[in-house]
PDB file of N, CA and C in Angstrom:
ATOM      1  N   MET A   1       0.905  12.878  11.018  1.00  0.00           N
ATOM      2  CA  MET A   1       1.845  14.468  10.420  1.00  0.00           C
ATOM      3  C   MET A   1       0.917  14.596   9.008  1.00  0.00           C
ATOM      4  N   GLY A   2       0.837  16.012   9.101  1.00  0.00           N
ATOM      5  CA  GLY A   2       0.009  16.276   7.787  1.00  0.00           C
ATOM      6  C   GLY A   2       1.372  16.611   6.376  1.00  0.00           C
ATOM      7  N   SER A   3       0.437  17.313   5.160  1.00  0.00           N
ATOM      8  CA  SER A   3       1.303  17.310   4.339  1.00  0.00           C
ATOM      9  C   SER A   3       2.260  18.756   4.318  1.00  0.00           C
ATOM     10  N   MET A   4       3.068  18.442   5.458  1.00  0.00           N
ATOM     11  CA  MET A   4       4.110  19.921   5.404  1.00  0.00           C
ATOM     12  C   MET A   4       4.750  20.387   4.463  1.00  0.00           C
ATOM     13  N   HIS A   5       5.121  19.596   3.006  1.00  0.00           N
ATOM     14  CA  HIS A   5       5.635  19.980   2.006  1.00  0.00           C
ATOM     15  C   HIS A   5       4.578  20.907   1.062  1.00  0.00           C
ATOM     16  N   LEU A   6       3.487  21.222   1.742  1.00  0.00           N
ATOM     17  CA  LEU A   6       2.638  21.858   0.885  1.00  0.00           C
ATOM     18  C   LEU A   6       2.865  23.054   1.448  1.00  0.00           C
ATOM     19  N   GLU A   7       3.654  23.712   2.773  1.00  0.00           N
ATOM     20  CA  GLU A   7       3.446  25.075   3.418  1.00  0.00           C
ATOM     21  C   GLU A   7       4.789  25.675   2.217  1.00  0.00           C
ATOM     22  N   HIS A   8       4.246  26.793   1.491  1.00  0.00           N
ATOM     23  CA  HIS A   8       4.847  27.496   0.717  1.00  0.00           C
ATOM     24  C   HIS A   8       5.109  29.073   1.063  1.00  0.00           C
ATOM     25  N   ASP A   9       4.947  29.124   2.240  1.00  0.00           N
ATOM     26  CA  ASP A   9       5.177  30.710   2.732  1.00  0.00           C
ATOM     27  C   ASP A   9       6.615  30.669   3.071  1.00  0.00           C
ATOM     28  N   PRO A  10       7.302  31.607   2.244  1.00  0.00           N
ATOM     29  CA  PRO A  10       8.686  31.618   2.654  1.00  0.00           C
ATOM     30  C   PRO A  10       9.019  32.579   3.904  1.00  0.00           C
ATOM     31  N   ASN A  11       7.957  33.190   4.952  1.00  0.00           N
ATOM     32  CA  ASN A  11       7.886  33.384   6.174  1.00  0.00           C
ATOM     33  C   ASN A  11       7.953  32.720   7.253  1.00  0.00           C
ATOM     34  N   ALA A  12       7.312  31.386   6.812  1.00  0.00           N
ATOM     35  CA  ALA A  12       6.972  30.343   7.464  1.00  0.00           C
ATOM     36  C   ALA A  12       8.203  29.957   8.555  1.00  0.00           C
ATOM     37  N   VAL A  13       8.026  29.516   9.754  1.00  0.00           N
ATOM     38  CA  VAL A  13       8.973  29.338  10.625  1.00  0.00           C
ATOM     39  C   VAL A  13       9.882  28.054  10.557  1.00  0.00           C
ATOM     40  N   ALA A  14      11.047  27.978  10.624  1.00  0.00           N
ATOM     41  CA  ALA A  14      11.844  26.693  10.551  1.00  0.00           C
ATOM     42  C   ALA A  14      11.222  25.560  10.945  1.00  0.00           C
ATOM     43  N   ALA A  15      11.458  24.377  10.483  1.00  0.00           N
ATOM     44  CA  ALA A  15      10.747  23.180  10.975  1.00  0.00           C
ATOM     45  C   ALA A  15      11.405  22.972  12.372  1.00  0.00           C
ATOM     46  N   PRO A  16      10.998  22.307  13.214  1.00  0.00           N
ATOM     47  CA  PRO A  16      11.418  21.726  14.267  1.00  0.00           C
ATOM     48  C   PRO A  16      13.130  20.995  14.199  1.00  0.00           C
ATOM     49  N   ILE A  17      13.670  21.162  15.176  1.00  0.00           N
ATOM     50  CA  ILE A  17      15.523  20.718  14.913  1.00  0.00           C
ATOM     51  C   ILE A  17      15.337  18.875  14.768  1.00  0.00           C
ATOM     52  N   ILE A  18      16.101  18.540  13.957  1.00  0.00           N
ATOM     53  CA  ILE A  18      16.076  16.985  13.691  1.00  0.00           C
ATOM     54  C   ILE A  18      17.340  16.515  14.022  1.00  0.00           C
ATOM     55  N   SER A  19      17.474  15.362  14.486  1.00  0.00           N
ATOM     56  CA  SER A  19      18.704  14.858  14.474  1.00  0.00           C
ATOM     57  C   SER A  19      19.594  14.602  12.851  1.00  0.00           C
ATOM     58  N   PHE A  20      20.986  14.520  12.942  1.00  0.00           N
ATOM     59  CA  PHE A  20      21.322  14.401  11.624  1.00  0.00           C
ATOM     60  C   PHE A  20      21.120  12.740  10.914  1.00  0.00           C
ATOM     61  N   ASP A  21      20.797  11.804  11.961  1.00  0.00           N
ATOM     62  CA  ASP A  21      20.525  10.529  11.440  1.00  0.00           C
ATOM     63  C   ASP A  21      19.299  10.583  11.125  1.00  0.00           C
ATOM     64  N   GLU A  22      18.267  11.444  11.659  1.00  0.00           N
ATOM     65  CA  GLU A  22      17.087  11.816  11.002  1.00  0.00           C
ATOM     66  C   GLU A  22      16.672  12.152   9.634  1.00  0.00           C
ATOM     67  N   PHE A  23      17.655  12.984   9.164  1.00  0.00           N
ATOM     68  CA  PHE A  23      17.792  13.724   7.912  1.00  0.00           C
ATOM     69  C   PHE A  23      18.398  12.394   6.868  1.00  0.00           C
ATOM     70  N   LEU A  24      19.429  11.428   7.614  1.00  0.00           N
ATOM     71  CA  LEU A  24      19.845  10.341   6.670  1.00  0.00           C
ATOM     72  C   LEU A  24      18.940   9.653   6.315  1.00  0.00           C
ATOM     73  N   ARG A  25      17.620   9.395   6.841  1.00  0.00           N
ATOM     74  CA  ARG A  25      16.672   8.641   6.789  1.00  0.00           C
ATOM     75  C   ARG A  25      16.125   8.900   5.842  1.00  0.00           C
ATOM     76  N   VAL A  26      16.093  10.302   5.046  1.00  0.00           N
ATOM     77  CA  VAL A  26      15.201  10.976   3.847  1.00  0.00           C
ATOM     78  C   VAL A  26      16.284  10.408   2.484  1.00  0.00           C
ATOM     79  N   ASP A  27      16.295   9.540   1.800  1.00  0.00           N
ATOM     80  CA  ASP A  27      16.956   9.529   0.480  1.00  0.00           C
ATOM     81  C   ASP A  27      16.596  10.206  -0.316  1.00  0.00           C
ATOM     82  N   ILE A  28      17.448  11.419  -1.076  1.00  0.00           N
ATOM     83  CA  ILE A  28      17.184  12.195  -1.709  1.00  0.00           C
ATOM     84  C   ILE A  28      18.230  12.133  -2.855  1.00  0.00           C
ATOM     85  N   ARG A  29      17.886  11.592  -3.881  1.00  0.00           N
ATOM     86  CA  ARG A  29      18.736  11.360  -5.086  1.00  0.00           C
ATOM     87  C   ARG A  29      18.410  12.170  -6.368  1.00  0.00           C
ATOM     88  N   ILE A  30      19.493  12.386  -7.088  1.00  0.00           N
ATOM     89  CA  ILE A  30      19.301  12.931  -8.385  1.00  0.00           C
ATOM     90  C   ILE A  30      18.719  12.058  -9.660  1.00  0.00           C
ATOM     91  N   GLY A  31      17.999  12.224 -10.389  1.00  0.00           N
ATOM     92  CA  GLY A  31      17.761  11.630 -11.554  1.00  0.00           C
ATOM     93  C   GLY A  31      17.394  12.577 -12.750  1.00  0.00           C
ATOM     94  N   THR A  32      17.425  11.831 -14.041  1.00  0.00           N
ATOM     95  CA  THR A  32      17.421  12.811 -15.220  1.00  0.00           C
ATOM     96  C   THR A  32      15.807  12.045 -15.670  1.00  0.00           C
ATOM     97  N   ILE A  33      15.083  13.045 -16.336  1.00  0.00           N
ATOM     98  CA  ILE A  33      13.930  12.997 -16.640  1.00  0.00           C
ATOM     99  C   ILE A  33      13.737  12.508 -18.017  1.00  0.00           C
ATOM    100  N   ILE A  34      13.179  11.330 -18.280  1.00  0.00           N
ATOM    101  CA  ILE A  34      13.385  10.701 -19.634  1.00  0.00           C
ATOM    102  C   ILE A  34      12.128  10.700 -20.066  1.00  0.00           C
ATOM    103  N   GLU A  35      11.082  10.778 -19.528  1.00  0.00           N
ATOM    104  CA  GLU A  35       9.647  10.797 -20.471  1.00  0.00           C
ATOM    105  C   GLU A  35       8.830  11.727 -19.580  1.00  0.00           C
ATOM    106  N   VAL A  36       7.707  12.821 -20.281  1.00  0.00           N
ATOM    107  CA  VAL A  36       6.709  13.689 -19.617  1.00  0.00           C
ATOM    108  C   VAL A  36       5.559  13.390 -20.324  1.00  0.00           C
ATOM    109  N   THR A  37       4.423  13.108 -19.814  1.00  0.00           N
ATOM    110  CA  THR A  37       3.108  12.954 -20.242  1.00  0.00           C
ATOM    111  C   THR A  37       2.286  13.849 -19.181  1.00  0.00           C
ATOM    112  N   GLU A  38       0.976  14.266 -20.271  1.00  0.00           N
ATOM    113  CA  GLU A  38       0.136  15.115 -19.215  1.00  0.00           C
ATOM    114  C   GLU A  38      -0.348  14.199 -18.221  1.00  0.00           C
ATOM    115  N   PHE A  39      -1.226  15.109 -17.428  1.00  0.00           N
ATOM    116  CA  PHE A  39      -1.881  14.249 -16.539  1.00  0.00           C
ATOM    117  C   PHE A  39      -3.347  14.949 -16.161  1.00  0.00           C
ATOM    118  N   PRO A  40      -4.220  14.800 -17.308  1.00  0.00           N
ATOM    119  CA  PRO A  40      -5.596  15.600 -17.261  1.00  0.00           C
ATOM    120  C   PRO A  40      -6.262  15.056 -15.992  1.00  0.00           C
ATOM    121  N   GLU A  41      -6.254  14.193 -15.651  1.00  0.00           N
ATOM    122  CA  GLU A  41      -7.205  13.449 -14.402  1.00  0.00           C
ATOM    123  C   GLU A  41      -6.717  14.115 -13.094  1.00  0.00           C
ATOM    124  N   ALA A  42      -5.692  14.780 -12.980  1.00  0.00           N
ATOM    125  CA  ALA A  42      -5.426  15.372 -11.559  1.00  0.00           C
ATOM    126  C   ALA A  42      -5.987  16.316 -11.383  1.00  0.00           C
ATOM    127  N   ARG A  43      -6.413  16.622 -10.113  1.00  0.00           N
ATOM    128  CA  ARG A  43      -7.024  17.772  -9.906  1.00  0.00           C
ATOM    129  C   ARG A  43      -6.606  19.280  -9.907  1.00  0.00           C
ATOM    130  N   LYS A  44      -5.464  19.488  -9.548  1.00  0.00           N
ATOM    131  CA  LYS A  44      -4.617  20.710 -10.042  1.00  0.00           C
ATOM    132  C   LYS A  44      -3.780  20.232 -11.057  1.00  0.00           C
ATOM    133  N   PRO A  45      -3.178  21.057 -12.288  1.00  0.00           N
ATOM    134  CA  PRO A  45      -2.703  20.674 -13.393  1.00  0.00           C
ATOM    135  C   PRO A  45      -1.295  20.077 -13.008  1.00  0.00           C
ATOM    136  N   ALA A  46      -1.062  19.214 -13.265  1.00  0.00           N
ATOM    137  CA  ALA A  46       0.345  18.228 -13.342  1.00  0.00           C
ATOM    138  C   ALA A  46       1.159  17.504 -14.477  1.00  0.00           C
ATOM    139  N   LEU A  47       1.777  17.077 -14.113  1.00  0.00           N
ATOM    140  CA  LEU A  47       2.668  16.465 -15.318  1.00  0.00           C
ATOM    141  C   LEU A  47       3.035  14.940 -14.642  1.00  0.00           C
ATOM    142  N   LYS A  48       2.985  13.772 -15.396  1.00  0.00           N
ATOM    143  CA  LYS A  48       3.505  12.845 -14.880  1.00  0.00           C
ATOM    144  C   LYS A  48       4.840  12.597 -15.569  1.00  0.00           C
ATOM    145  N   LEU A  49       5.678  12.194 -14.696  1.00  0.00           N
ATOM    146  CA  LEU A  49       7.699  12.412 -15.052  1.00  0.00           C
ATOM    147  C   LEU A  49       7.797  10.903 -14.943  1.00  0.00           C
ATOM    148  N   THR A  50       8.797  10.301 -15.827  1.00  0.00           N
ATOM    149  CA  THR A  50       9.532   9.184 -15.734  1.00  0.00           C
ATOM    150  C   THR A  50      10.736   9.711 -15.634  1.00  0.00           C
ATOM    151  N   ILE A  51      11.793   9.442 -14.254  1.00  0.00           N
ATOM    152  CA  ILE A  51      13.048  10.004 -14.103  1.00  0.00           C
ATOM    153  C   ILE A  51      13.668   8.911 -13.921  1.00  0.00           C
ATOM    154  N   ASP A  52      15.015   8.792 -14.556  1.00  0.00           N
ATOM    155  CA  ASP A  52      16.082   7.578 -14.398  1.00  0.00           C
ATOM    156  C   ASP A  52      17.106   8.144 -13.259  1.00  0.00           C
ATOM    157  N   PHE A  53      16.918   7.071 -12.231  1.00  0.00           N
ATOM    158  CA  PHE A  53      17.906   7.125 -11.138  1.00  0.00           C
ATOM    159  C   PHE A  53      18.993   6.348 -11.065  1.00  0.00           C
ATOM    160  N   GLY A  54      19.313   5.892 -12.508  1.00  0.00           N
ATOM    161  CA  GLY A  54      20.633   5.119 -12.650  1.00  0.00           C
ATOM    162  C   GLY A  54      20.730   3.661 -12.453  1.00  0.00           C
ATOM    163  N   GLU A  55      21.583   2.711 -12.087  1.00  0.00           N
ATOM    164  CA  GLU A  55      21.288   1.419 -12.473  1.00  0.00           C
ATOM    165  C   GLU A  55      20.823   0.843 -11.204  1.00  0.00           C
ATOM    166  N   VAL A  56      21.243   1.396 -10.034  1.00  0.00           N
ATOM    167  CA  VAL A  56      20.789   0.535  -8.764  1.00  0.00           C
ATOM    168  C   VAL A  56      19.153   1.046  -8.587  1.00  0.00           C
ATOM    169  N   ILE A  57      18.664   2.115  -8.703  1.00  0.00           N
ATOM    170  CA  ILE A  57      17.204   2.474  -8.355  1.00  0.00           C
ATOM    171  C   ILE A  57      16.518   2.541  -9.934  1.00  0.00           C
ATOM    172  N   GLY A  58      17.024   2.667 -10.716  1.00  0.00           N
ATOM    173  CA  GLY A  58      16.416   2.558 -12.058  1.00  0.00           C
ATOM    174  C   GLY A  58      15.217   3.753 -12.170  1.00  0.00           C
ATOM    175  N   PRO A  59      14.297   3.879 -13.185  1.00  0.00           N
ATOM    176  CA  PRO A  59      13.624   4.678 -13.633  1.00  0.00           C
ATOM    177  C   PRO A  59      12.081   4.790 -12.652  1.00  0.00           C
ATOM    178  N   LYS A  60      11.813   5.751 -12.257  1.00  0.00           N
ATOM    179  CA  LYS A  60      10.567   5.981 -11.026  1.00  0.00           C
ATOM    180  C   LYS A  60       9.707   6.865 -11.787  1.00  0.00           C
ATOM    181  N   ARG A  61       8.643   6.791 -11.521  1.00  0.00           N
ATOM    182  CA  ARG A  61       7.502   7.638 -11.856  1.00  0.00           C
ATOM    183  C   ARG A  61       7.142   8.943 -10.573  1.00  0.00           C
ATOM    184  N   SER A  62       6.857   9.816 -11.000  1.00  0.00           N
ATOM    185  CA  SER A  62       6.019  11.160 -10.300  1.00  0.00           C
ATOM    186  C   SER A  62       5.156  12.004 -10.930  1.00  0.00           C
ATOM    187  N   SER A  63       4.355  12.286 -10.027  1.00  0.00           N
ATOM    188  CA  SER A  63       3.505  13.494 -10.447  1.00  0.00           C
ATOM    189  C   SER A  63       3.910  14.627  -9.884  1.00  0.00           C
ATOM    190  N   ALA A  64       3.882  15.846 -10.888  1.00  0.00           N
ATOM    191  CA  ALA A  64       4.542  16.943 -10.443  1.00  0.00           C
ATOM    192  C   ALA A  64       3.681  17.829 -10.712  1.00  0.00           C
ATOM    193  N   GLN A  65       3.442  19.218 -10.131  1.00  0.00           N
ATOM    194  CA  GLN A  65       2.523  20.221 -10.144  1.00  0.00           C
ATOM    195  C   GLN A  65       3.358  21.200 -10.639  1.00  0.00           C
ATOM    196  N   ILE A  66       3.875  21.177 -12.052  1.00  0.00           N
ATOM    197  CA  ILE A  66       4.958  22.052 -12.330  1.00  0.00           C
ATOM    198  C   ILE A  66       4.493  22.664 -13.717  1.00  0.00           C
ATOM    199  N   VAL A  67       3.532  22.632 -13.965  1.00  0.00           N
ATOM    200  CA  VAL A  67       2.688  23.087 -15.710  1.00  0.00           C
ATOM    201  C   VAL A  67       2.929  24.692 -15.173  1.00  0.00           C
ATOM    202  N   ALA A  68       3.067  25.665 -14.324  1.00  0.00           N
ATOM    203  CA  ALA A  68       3.095  27.050 -14.263  1.00  0.00           C
ATOM    204  C   ALA A  68       4.594  27.465 -14.759  1.00  0.00           C
ATOM    205  N   ASN A  69       5.304  26.553 -14.698  1.00  0.00           N
ATOM    206  CA  ASN A  69       6.407  26.809 -14.980  1.00  0.00           C
ATOM    207  C   ASN A  69       7.689  26.060 -16.423  1.00  0.00           C
ATOM    208  N   TYR A  70       6.859  24.993 -16.564  1.00  0.00           N
ATOM    209  CA  TYR A  70       7.634  24.027 -17.481  1.00  0.00           C
ATOM    210  C   TYR A  70       6.807  23.705 -18.545  1.00  0.00           C
ATOM    211  N   ARG A  71       7.110  23.584 -19.785  1.00  0.00           N
ATOM    212  CA  ARG A  71       6.522  22.695 -20.860  1.00  0.00           C
ATOM    213  C   ARG A  71       7.258  21.218 -20.684  1.00  0.00           C
ATOM    214  N   PRO A  72       6.399  20.270 -20.974  1.00  0.00           N
ATOM    215  CA  PRO A  72       6.925  18.878 -21.115  1.00  0.00           C
ATOM    216  C   PRO A  72       8.162  18.829 -22.088  1.00  0.00           C
ATOM    217  N   GLU A  73       8.098  19.464 -23.481  1.00  0.00           N
ATOM    218  CA  GLU A  73       9.202  19.047 -24.324  1.00  0.00           C
ATOM    219  C   GLU A  73      10.478  19.766 -23.574  1.00  0.00           C
ATOM    220  N   GLU A  74      10.628  20.804 -22.629  1.00  0.00           N
ATOM    221  CA  GLU A  74      11.777  21.389 -22.280  1.00  0.00           C
ATOM    222  C   GLU A  74      12.054  20.678 -20.676  1.00  0.00           C
ATOM    223  N   LEU A  75      11.229  19.614 -20.584  1.00  0.00           N
ATOM    224  CA  LEU A  75      11.553  18.944 -19.247  1.00  0.00           C
ATOM    225  C   LEU A  75      12.711  17.708 -19.452  1.00  0.00           C
ATOM    226  N   ILE A  76      12.762  16.952 -20.827  1.00  0.00           N
ATOM    227  CA  ILE A  76      13.026  15.826 -21.332  1.00  0.00           C
ATOM    228  C   ILE A  76      14.802  16.354 -20.982  1.00  0.00           C
ATOM    229  N   GLY A  77      15.510  15.427 -20.034  1.00  0.00           N
ATOM    230  CA  GLY A  77      16.640  15.711 -20.056  1.00  0.00           C
ATOM    231  C   GLY A  77      17.348  16.714 -18.878  1.00  0.00           C
ATOM    232  N   LYS A  78      16.378  16.870 -18.426  1.00  0.00           N
ATOM    233  CA  LYS A  78      16.776  17.921 -17.103  1.00  0.00           C
ATOM    234  C   LYS A  78      16.936  17.036 -15.573  1.00  0.00           C
ATOM    235  N   GLN A  79      17.955  17.145 -15.002  1.00  0.00           N
ATOM    236  CA  GLN A  79      17.873  16.756 -14.040  1.00  0.00           C
ATOM    237  C   GLN A  79      17.220  17.279 -12.771  1.00  0.00           C
ATOM    238  N   VAL A  80      16.773  15.986 -11.966  1.00  0.00           N
ATOM    239  CA  VAL A  80      15.658  17.025 -10.673  1.00  0.00           C
ATOM    240  C   VAL A  80      16.344  16.134  -9.403  1.00  0.00           C
ATOM    241  N   ALA A  81      16.241  16.705  -8.386  1.00  0.00           N
ATOM    242  CA  ALA A  81      16.397  16.086  -7.041  1.00  0.00           C
ATOM    243  C   ALA A  81      14.676  15.207  -6.757  1.00  0.00           C
ATOM    244  N   ALA A  82      14.606  14.295  -6.141  1.00  0.00           N
ATOM    245  CA  ALA A  82      13.346  13.494  -5.655  1.00  0.00           C
ATOM    246  C   ALA A  82      13.914  12.592  -4.374  1.00  0.00           C
ATOM    247  N   VAL A  83      12.803  12.721  -3.579  1.00  0.00           N
ATOM    248  CA  VAL A  83      12.664  11.679  -2.424  1.00  0.00           C
ATOM    249  C   VAL A  83      12.739  10.370  -3.013  1.00  0.00           C
ATOM    250  N   VAL A  84      13.615   9.240  -2.884  1.00  0.00           N
ATOM    251  CA  VAL A  84      13.196   7.923  -3.385  1.00  0.00           C
ATOM    252  C   VAL A  84      12.555   6.815  -2.260  1.00  0.00           C
ATOM    253  N   ASN A  85      12.228   7.174  -1.012  1.00  0.00           N
ATOM    254  CA  ASN A  85      12.134   6.221  -0.066  1.00  0.00           C
ATOM    255  C   ASN A  85      10.997   6.646   0.442  1.00  0.00           C
ATOM    256  N   PHE A  86      10.068   7.160   0.245  1.00  0.00           N
ATOM    257  CA  PHE A  86       8.921   7.576   0.611  1.00  0.00           C
ATOM    258  C   PHE A  86       7.966   6.026   0.107  1.00  0.00           C
ATOM    259  N   PRO A  87       6.619   5.730   0.874  1.00  0.00           N
ATOM    260  CA  PRO A  87       6.409   4.706   0.112  1.00  0.00           C
ATOM    261  C   PRO A  87       5.457   5.617  -1.025  1.00  0.00           C
ATOM    262  N   PRO A  88       5.145   4.471  -2.160  1.00  0.00           N
ATOM    263  CA  PRO A  88       4.382   4.841  -3.411  1.00  0.00           C
ATOM    264  C   PRO A  88       2.851   5.727  -2.945  1.00  0.00           C
ATOM    265  N   ARG A  89       2.538   6.822  -3.858  1.00  0.00           N
ATOM    266  CA  ARG A  89       1.548   7.077  -3.346  1.00  0.00           C
ATOM    267  C   ARG A  89       0.551   7.384  -4.721  1.00  0.00           C
ATOM    268  N   GLN A  90      -0.957   6.897  -4.201  1.00  0.00           N
ATOM    269  CA  GLN A  90      -1.865   6.607  -5.405  1.00  0.00           C
ATOM    270  C   GLN A  90      -2.271   8.235  -5.548  1.00  0.00           C
ATOM    271  N   ILE A  91      -2.265   8.720  -7.036  1.00  0.00           N
ATOM    272  CA  ILE A  91      -2.942   9.986  -7.164  1.00  0.00           C
ATOM    273  C   ILE A  91      -3.943   9.962  -8.505  1.00  0.00           C
ATOM    274  N   GLY A  92      -4.866   9.811  -7.900  1.00  0.00           N
ATOM    275  CA  GLY A  92      -5.903   9.610  -8.856  1.00  0.00           C
ATOM    276  C   GLY A  92      -5.861   8.283  -9.536  1.00  0.00           C
ATOM    277  N   PRO A  93      -5.732   8.338 -10.924  1.00  0.00           N
ATOM    278  CA  PRO A  93      -5.284   6.888 -11.812  1.00  0.00           C
ATOM    279  C   PRO A  93      -3.793   6.231 -11.580  1.00  0.00           C
ATOM    280  N   PHE A  94      -3.125   7.272 -10.980  1.00  0.00           N
ATOM    281  CA  PHE A  94      -1.360   7.206 -11.218  1.00  0.00           C
ATOM    282  C   PHE A  94      -0.820   7.042 -10.020  1.00  0.00           C
ATOM    283  N   MET A  95       0.084   6.006 -10.037  1.00  0.00           N
ATOM    284  CA  MET A  95       1.076   5.836  -8.782  1.00  0.00           C
ATOM    285  C   MET A  95       2.371   6.243  -8.884  1.00  0.00           C
ATOM    286  N   SER A  96       2.554   7.347  -7.857  1.00  0.00           N
ATOM    287  CA  SER A  96       3.523   8.257  -7.822  1.00  0.00           C
ATOM    288  C   SER A  96       4.408   7.581  -6.904  1.00  0.00           C
ATOM    289  N   GLU A  97       5.840   7.022  -7.354  1.00  0.00           N
ATOM    290  CA  GLU A  97       6.731   6.208  -6.492  1.00  0.00           C
ATOM    291  C   GLU A  97       7.712   7.348  -5.964  1.00  0.00           C
ATOM    292  N   VAL A  98       7.965   8.465  -6.327  1.00  0.00           N
ATOM    293  CA  VAL A  98       9.036   9.713  -5.666  1.00  0.00           C
ATOM    294  C   VAL A  98       8.549  10.905  -5.741  1.00  0.00           C
ATOM    295  N   LEU A  99       8.848  11.452  -4.843  1.00  0.00           N
ATOM    296  CA  LEU A  99       8.537  12.860  -4.463  1.00  0.00           C
ATOM    297  C   LEU A  99       9.450  13.750  -5.471  1.00  0.00           C
ATOM    298  N   THR A 100       9.012  14.506  -6.257  1.00  0.00           N
ATOM    299  CA  THR A 100       9.908  15.248  -6.908  1.00  0.00           C
ATOM    300  C   THR A 100      10.035  16.666  -6.164  1.00  0.00           C
ATOM    301  N   LEU A 101      11.255  17.269  -5.944  1.00  0.00           N
ATOM    302  CA  LEU A 101      11.438  18.413  -5.213  1.00  0.00           C
ATOM    303  C   LEU A 101      11.614  19.739  -5.798  1.00  0.00           C
ATOM    304  N   GLY A 102      10.986  20.813  -5.230  1.00  0.00           N
ATOM    305  CA  GLY A 102      10.916  21.982  -5.818  1.00  0.00           C
ATOM    306  C   GLY A 102      10.722  22.725  -4.882  1.00  0.00           C
ATOM    307  N   PHE A 103      10.784  24.271  -5.112  1.00  0.00           N
ATOM    308  CA  PHE A 103      10.745  25.715  -4.230  1.00  0.00           C
ATOM    309  C   PHE A 103       9.850  26.440  -5.057  1.00  0.00           C
ATOM    310  N   PRO A 104       8.900  27.005  -3.721  1.00  0.00           N
ATOM    311  CA  PRO A 104       7.978  28.463  -4.900  1.00  0.00           C
ATOM    312  C   PRO A 104       8.568  29.136  -4.989  1.00  0.00           C
ATOM    313  N   ASP A 105       8.106  29.728  -6.362  1.00  0.00           N
ATOM    314  CA  ASP A 105       8.626  31.208  -6.936  1.00  0.00           C
ATOM    315  C   ASP A 105       7.750  32.383  -6.210  1.00  0.00           C
ATOM    316  N   ASP A 106       8.033  33.210  -6.525  1.00  0.00           N
ATOM    317  CA  ASP A 106       7.404  34.562  -6.069  1.00  0.00           C
ATOM    318  C   ASP A 106       5.462  34.181  -5.804  1.00  0.00           C
ATOM    319  N   ALA A 107       5.265  33.337  -7.186  1.00  0.00           N
ATOM    320  CA  ALA A 107       3.548  33.266  -7.501  1.00  0.00           C
ATOM    321  C   ALA A 107       3.108  32.178  -6.319  1.00  0.00           C
ATOM    322  N   GLY A 108       4.260  31.301  -5.889  1.00  0.00           N
ATOM    323  CA  GLY A 108       3.718  30.538  -5.445  1.00  0.00           C
ATOM    324  C   GLY A 108       3.701  28.910  -6.197  1.00  0.00           C
ATOM    325  N   THR A 109       4.429  29.141  -7.067  1.00  0.00           N
ATOM    326  CA  THR A 109       4.128  27.904  -8.015  1.00  0.00           C
ATOM    327  C   THR A 109       5.656  27.182  -7.904  1.00  0.00           C
ATOM    328  N   VAL A 110       5.944  25.970  -8.401  1.00  0.00           N
ATOM    329  CA  VAL A 110       6.897  25.359  -8.264  1.00  0.00           C
ATOM    330  C   VAL A 110       8.327  25.586  -9.109  1.00  0.00           C
ATOM    331  N   VAL A 111       9.316  25.658  -8.952  1.00  0.00           N
ATOM    332  CA  VAL A 111      10.675  25.675  -9.366  1.00  0.00           C
ATOM    333  C   VAL A 111      11.201  24.278  -9.168  1.00  0.00           C
ATOM    334  N   LEU A 112      11.697  23.460 -10.016  1.00  0.00           N
ATOM    335  CA  LEU A 112      12.276  22.244  -9.762  1.00  0.00           C
ATOM    336  C   LEU A 112      13.598  22.443  -9.299  1.00  0.00           C
ATOM    337  N   PHE A 113      13.750  21.380  -8.164  1.00  0.00           N
ATOM    338  CA  PHE A 113      15.177  21.449  -7.638  1.00  0.00           C
ATOM    339  C   PHE A 113      16.410  20.345  -8.275  1.00  0.00           C
ATOM    340  N   SER A 114      17.230  21.545  -9.007  1.00  0.00           N
ATOM    341  CA  SER A 114      17.987  20.563  -9.820  1.00  0.00           C
ATOM    342  C   SER A 114      19.518  21.345  -9.558  1.00  0.00           C
ATOM    343  N   PRO A 115      20.509  20.390  -9.754  1.00  0.00           N
ATOM    344  CA  PRO A 115      22.071  20.774  -9.481  1.00  0.00           C
ATOM    345  C   PRO A 115      22.431  22.011 -10.939  1.00  0.00           C
ATOM    346  N   ASP A 116      23.329  22.827 -10.281  1.00  0.00           N
ATOM    347  CA  ASP A 116      23.568  23.569 -11.776  1.00  0.00           C
ATOM    348  C   ASP A 116      24.721  22.868 -12.707  1.00  0.00           C
ATOM    349  N   ARG A 117      24.968  21.844 -12.881  1.00  0.00           N
ATOM    350  CA  ARG A 117      25.914  21.065 -13.212  1.00  0.00           C
ATOM    351  C   ARG A 117      25.531  19.315 -13.103  1.00  0.00           C
ATOM    352  N   ASN A 118      25.542  18.835 -14.668  1.00  0.00           N
ATOM    353  CA  ASN A 118      25.175  17.249 -14.368  1.00  0.00           C
ATOM    354  C   ASN A 118      25.755  16.692 -13.626  1.00  0.00           C
ATOM    355  N   VAL A 119      25.200  15.650 -12.888  1.00  0.00           N
ATOM    356  CA  VAL A 119      25.847  14.599 -11.960  1.00  0.00           C
ATOM    357  C   VAL A 119      25.388  13.543 -12.317  1.00  0.00           C
ATOM    358  N   PRO A 120      26.235  12.176 -12.055  1.00  0.00           N
ATOM    359  CA  PRO A 120      25.722  10.973 -12.532  1.00  0.00           C
ATOM    360  C   PRO A 120      24.449  10.606 -11.593  1.00  0.00           C
ATOM    361  N   ASN A 121      23.208   9.990 -12.306  1.00  0.00           N
ATOM    362  CA  ASN A 121      22.112   9.820 -11.816  1.00  0.00           C
ATOM    363  C   ASN A 121      22.057   8.570 -10.469  1.00  0.00           C
ATOM    364  N   GLY A 122      21.541   8.785 -10.181  1.00  0.00           N
ATOM    365  CA  GLY A 122      21.337   8.069  -8.488  1.00  0.00           C
ATOM    366  C   GLY A 122      22.376   8.469  -7.171  1.00  0.00           C
ATOM    367  N   GLY A 123      23.052   9.560  -7.702  1.00  0.00           N
ATOM    368  CA  GLY A 123      23.857  10.201  -6.479  1.00  0.00           C
ATOM    369  C   GLY A 123      22.912  10.643  -5.384  1.00  0.00           C
ATOM    370  N   ARG A 124      23.775  10.409  -4.200  1.00  0.00           N
ATOM    371  CA  ARG A 124      22.357  10.684  -3.151  1.00  0.00           C
ATOM    372  C   ARG A 124      23.081  12.366  -2.424  1.00  0.00           C
ATOM    373  N   LEU A 125      21.947  13.095  -2.089  1.00  0.00           N
ATOM    374  CA  LEU A 125      22.126  14.315  -1.619  1.00  0.00           C
ATOM    375  C   LEU A 125      22.984  13.994  -0.124  1.00  0.00           C
ATOM    376  N   PHE A 126      23.852  14.757   0.100  1.00  0.00           N
ATOM    377  CA  PHE A 126      24.790  14.670   1.309  1.00  0.00           C
ATOM    378  C   PHE A 126      25.301  16.396   1.541  1.00  0.00           C
TER     379      PHE A 126
END
């Protein structure tokens, strides 16, 4: 399977039907960004995030191509959703431990997926 998450076309057809059990295998949790650093080694402009997912999961690191819409200083304290049960992925010299989720805006750049109210870190999407 390729990198389907890179398909940003809002007119793309819906993905094939899956069972509810298959959906439950994807562990999507909420966490709070606690650290942001520049990632100049990345091929495309990106930031390194450390996201706190609470007591059970703890802090995890993620690379995110979000520089078009976010400045590092405004991300601290922001809650975001991420897939926490993919295997870690090496991105240049950085090991990304979770996939931070977002949606494309009109320009095709990432807008982070975030709750409209604060919720406890580590909460699972249902």
